[in-house]
Each structure stands twice: as C-alpha cells, then as structure tokens.
N, C-alpha and C. Protein backbone atom coordinates (compact mmCIF):
# COMPACT_ATOMS: atom_id res chain seq x y z
N MET A 1 -26.06 -4.68 31.37
CA MET A 1 -25.92 -3.44 31.98
C MET A 1 -25.65 -3.31 33.49
N THR A 2 -24.88 -2.22 33.98
CA THR A 2 -24.27 -2.54 35.34
C THR A 2 -24.84 -1.00 35.63
N VAL A 3 -25.18 -1.14 36.94
CA VAL A 3 -25.69 0.06 37.68
C VAL A 3 -24.81 0.10 39.26
N CYS A 4 -24.01 0.93 39.38
CA CYS A 4 -23.16 1.12 40.55
C CYS A 4 -23.01 2.66 41.19
N ASP A 5 -22.96 2.56 42.38
CA ASP A 5 -22.47 3.78 43.15
C ASP A 5 -21.46 3.58 44.04
N ASN A 6 -21.08 4.62 44.57
CA ASN A 6 -19.70 4.43 45.40
C ASN A 6 -20.21 5.07 46.91
N GLY A 7 -21.25 4.69 47.40
CA GLY A 7 -21.76 4.85 48.59
C GLY A 7 -21.15 3.77 49.55
N CYS A 8 -21.99 3.66 50.80
CA CYS A 8 -21.59 3.11 52.10
C CYS A 8 -21.66 1.67 51.81
N GLY A 9 -22.32 1.15 50.77
CA GLY A 9 -22.69 -0.38 50.59
C GLY A 9 -23.77 -1.03 51.27
N ILE A 10 -24.11 -2.21 50.83
CA ILE A 10 -25.41 -2.73 51.59
C ILE A 10 -24.88 -3.84 52.55
N PRO A 11 -25.24 -3.70 53.71
CA PRO A 11 -24.66 -4.67 54.93
C PRO A 11 -25.31 -6.15 54.34
N LYS A 12 -24.52 -7.47 54.62
CA LYS A 12 -24.81 -8.52 54.30
C LYS A 12 -26.31 -8.98 54.56
N GLU A 13 -26.82 -8.52 55.88
CA GLU A 13 -28.16 -9.00 56.43
C GLU A 13 -29.18 -8.20 55.40
N LYS A 14 -28.81 -7.07 55.00
CA LYS A 14 -29.91 -6.50 54.06
C LYS A 14 -29.68 -7.14 52.74
N LEU A 15 -28.52 -7.54 52.39
CA LEU A 15 -28.38 -7.97 50.67
C LEU A 15 -29.42 -9.30 50.92
N GLU A 16 -29.46 -10.23 51.73
CA GLU A 16 -30.01 -11.34 51.81
C GLU A 16 -31.73 -11.05 51.60
N LYS A 17 -32.10 -9.96 51.98
CA LYS A 17 -33.53 -9.50 51.95
C LYS A 17 -34.03 -8.80 50.71
N LEU A 18 -33.25 -8.51 49.84
CA LEU A 18 -33.43 -7.52 48.70
C LEU A 18 -34.39 -8.18 48.01
N ASN A 19 -34.68 -9.39 47.85
CA ASN A 19 -35.63 -9.85 46.77
C ASN A 19 -37.06 -10.17 47.51
N GLU A 20 -37.03 -9.84 48.70
CA GLU A 20 -38.35 -10.14 49.52
C GLU A 20 -39.28 -8.92 49.46
N PRO A 21 -40.63 -9.31 48.79
CA PRO A 21 -41.58 -8.28 48.74
C PRO A 21 -41.83 -7.59 50.22
N PHE A 22 -42.02 -6.20 50.08
CA PHE A 22 -42.41 -5.44 51.04
C PHE A 22 -41.19 -5.08 52.15
N TYR A 23 -40.00 -5.62 51.86
CA TYR A 23 -38.84 -5.19 52.72
C TYR A 23 -38.55 -3.94 52.19
N THR A 24 -38.23 -2.99 53.15
CA THR A 24 -37.87 -1.69 52.68
C THR A 24 -36.85 -1.01 54.12
N THR A 25 -36.11 -0.17 53.60
CA THR A 25 -35.36 0.62 54.82
C THR A 25 -35.81 1.90 54.64
N LYS A 26 -36.76 2.20 53.66
CA LYS A 26 -37.07 3.76 53.54
C LYS A 26 -38.52 3.73 54.30
N GLU A 27 -38.78 5.17 55.04
CA GLU A 27 -39.75 5.40 55.54
C GLU A 27 -41.01 5.34 54.82
N ASN A 28 -40.99 6.01 53.52
CA ASN A 28 -42.16 5.86 52.63
C ASN A 28 -42.10 4.84 51.62
N GLY A 29 -41.16 3.82 51.74
CA GLY A 29 -40.93 2.80 50.63
C GLY A 29 -41.98 1.83 50.79
N THR A 30 -42.41 1.34 49.69
CA THR A 30 -43.23 -0.08 49.54
C THR A 30 -42.52 -1.41 49.67
N GLY A 31 -41.15 -1.46 49.35
CA GLY A 31 -40.36 -2.71 49.15
C GLY A 31 -40.84 -3.33 48.10
N LEU A 32 -41.58 -2.94 46.89
CA LEU A 32 -41.81 -3.74 45.85
C LEU A 32 -41.01 -3.44 44.53
N GLY A 33 -40.37 -2.30 44.51
CA GLY A 33 -39.58 -1.92 43.32
C GLY A 33 -38.58 -3.01 43.06
N LEU A 34 -37.78 -3.41 43.84
CA LEU A 34 -36.86 -4.31 43.46
C LEU A 34 -37.25 -5.74 43.11
N PRO A 35 -38.08 -6.17 44.04
CA PRO A 35 -38.60 -7.57 43.83
C PRO A 35 -39.36 -7.65 42.46
N VAL A 36 -40.18 -6.59 41.99
CA VAL A 36 -40.84 -6.60 40.95
C VAL A 36 -39.85 -6.59 39.66
N SER A 37 -38.84 -5.67 39.74
CA SER A 37 -38.00 -5.53 38.89
C SER A 37 -37.19 -6.83 38.35
N LEU A 38 -36.69 -7.60 39.79
CA LEU A 38 -36.07 -8.80 39.54
C LEU A 38 -37.09 -9.87 39.02
N LYS A 39 -38.32 -9.93 39.08
CA LYS A 39 -39.09 -10.88 38.68
C LYS A 39 -39.29 -10.73 36.96
N ILE A 40 -39.00 -9.50 36.65
CA ILE A 40 -39.48 -9.24 35.27
C ILE A 40 -38.11 -9.55 34.23
N ILE A 41 -37.02 -9.30 35.06
CA ILE A 41 -35.73 -9.58 34.49
C ILE A 41 -35.71 -11.22 34.24
N GLU A 42 -36.23 -11.90 35.57
CA GLU A 42 -36.01 -13.42 35.45
C GLU A 42 -37.00 -13.93 34.38
N GLU A 43 -38.43 -13.43 34.17
CA GLU A 43 -39.21 -13.80 33.40
C GLU A 43 -38.84 -13.83 31.85
N HIS A 44 -37.82 -12.86 31.67
CA HIS A 44 -37.13 -12.61 30.37
C HIS A 44 -35.72 -13.39 30.30
N ARG A 45 -35.75 -14.34 31.24
CA ARG A 45 -34.53 -15.02 31.22
C ARG A 45 -33.01 -14.53 31.47
N GLY A 46 -33.19 -13.38 32.12
CA GLY A 46 -32.16 -12.70 32.44
C GLY A 46 -31.75 -12.85 33.77
N THR A 47 -30.46 -12.36 34.24
CA THR A 47 -30.02 -12.51 35.55
C THR A 47 -29.48 -11.24 36.39
N VAL A 48 -29.37 -11.29 37.36
CA VAL A 48 -29.06 -9.99 38.18
C VAL A 48 -28.11 -10.49 39.28
N GLU A 49 -26.91 -9.85 39.21
CA GLU A 49 -25.75 -10.08 40.27
C GLU A 49 -25.71 -8.80 41.13
N VAL A 50 -25.46 -8.86 42.46
CA VAL A 50 -25.39 -7.55 43.18
C VAL A 50 -23.96 -8.13 44.09
N ILE A 51 -23.16 -6.97 43.86
CA ILE A 51 -21.82 -7.05 44.48
C ILE A 51 -21.89 -5.56 45.41
N SER A 52 -21.72 -5.81 46.56
CA SER A 52 -21.71 -4.67 47.45
C SER A 52 -20.46 -4.67 48.45
N LYS A 53 -19.65 -3.89 48.70
CA LYS A 53 -18.61 -4.02 49.52
C LYS A 53 -18.63 -2.64 50.50
N GLU A 54 -18.53 -2.92 51.73
CA GLU A 54 -18.78 -1.90 52.92
C GLU A 54 -17.68 -0.69 52.52
N ASP A 55 -18.22 0.48 52.80
CA ASP A 55 -17.48 1.59 52.39
C ASP A 55 -16.91 1.81 51.07
N GLU A 56 -17.51 1.01 50.07
CA GLU A 56 -16.94 1.15 48.66
C GLU A 56 -18.04 1.45 47.71
N GLY A 57 -19.35 0.75 48.01
CA GLY A 57 -20.43 1.05 47.11
C GLY A 57 -21.09 -0.29 46.77
N THR A 58 -22.00 -0.23 45.74
CA THR A 58 -22.67 -1.41 45.45
C THR A 58 -22.86 -1.36 43.91
N GLU A 59 -22.86 -2.58 43.30
CA GLU A 59 -23.04 -2.80 41.81
C GLU A 59 -23.92 -3.75 41.58
N PHE A 60 -25.01 -3.35 40.61
CA PHE A 60 -25.98 -4.23 40.19
C PHE A 60 -25.43 -4.76 38.68
N ASN A 61 -25.38 -5.97 38.41
CA ASN A 61 -25.19 -6.30 36.78
C ASN A 61 -26.11 -6.94 36.54
N ILE A 62 -26.76 -6.45 35.42
CA ILE A 62 -28.00 -7.16 34.91
C ILE A 62 -27.72 -7.80 33.35
N ALA A 63 -27.97 -8.79 33.13
CA ALA A 63 -27.84 -9.44 31.97
C ALA A 63 -29.16 -10.00 31.33
N LEU A 64 -29.42 -9.55 30.35
CA LEU A 64 -30.58 -10.10 29.35
C LEU A 64 -30.21 -10.75 28.23
N PRO A 65 -30.79 -11.76 27.69
CA PRO A 65 -30.42 -12.48 26.58
C PRO A 65 -30.79 -11.66 25.10
N ILE A 66 -29.89 -11.67 24.15
CA ILE A 66 -30.35 -11.14 22.96
C ILE A 66 -31.35 -11.85 22.10
N CYS A 67 -32.44 -11.23 21.75
CA CYS A 67 -33.52 -11.57 20.96
C CYS A 67 -33.14 -12.19 19.73
N SER A 68 -33.72 -13.08 19.15
CA SER A 68 -33.22 -13.85 17.74
C SER A 68 -34.54 -13.90 16.85
C-alpha cells in the first residue's frame, strides 16, 4: 500500500526521528501514532519505506506478507 502527498516533504533531520516515540512537530500531538503503527507493521513481518523529496512531497510504502 502506498500513501503519498504532494506537500513540502519532510526534512532529512526530521525523517531520522520519525520512529522515535514522543517526537512530534504538532502542538497537540503525542508523537505516538507513527511509532505504534510502524511497530504493528513490523510485528506482522511487514516493512515501511519512506521517500521524501523537498518541495515534492512524501511517500510511505507499506508492504505486508500474504497470509497462507
């Protein structure tokens, strides 16, 4: 699954902190949403790839294995 936008992108120094619990750039944010989501995906043997380009936007590519 891919989720993307065409916004301003995420600066490299902020990209490196995306998985840190309690890191947020929002005034009322908790900084837990993305770290919890990433942990759930990893627990299901999935992967997340983040591609962000300044002034072009950000893309999250989420891959989960097919259940058999």
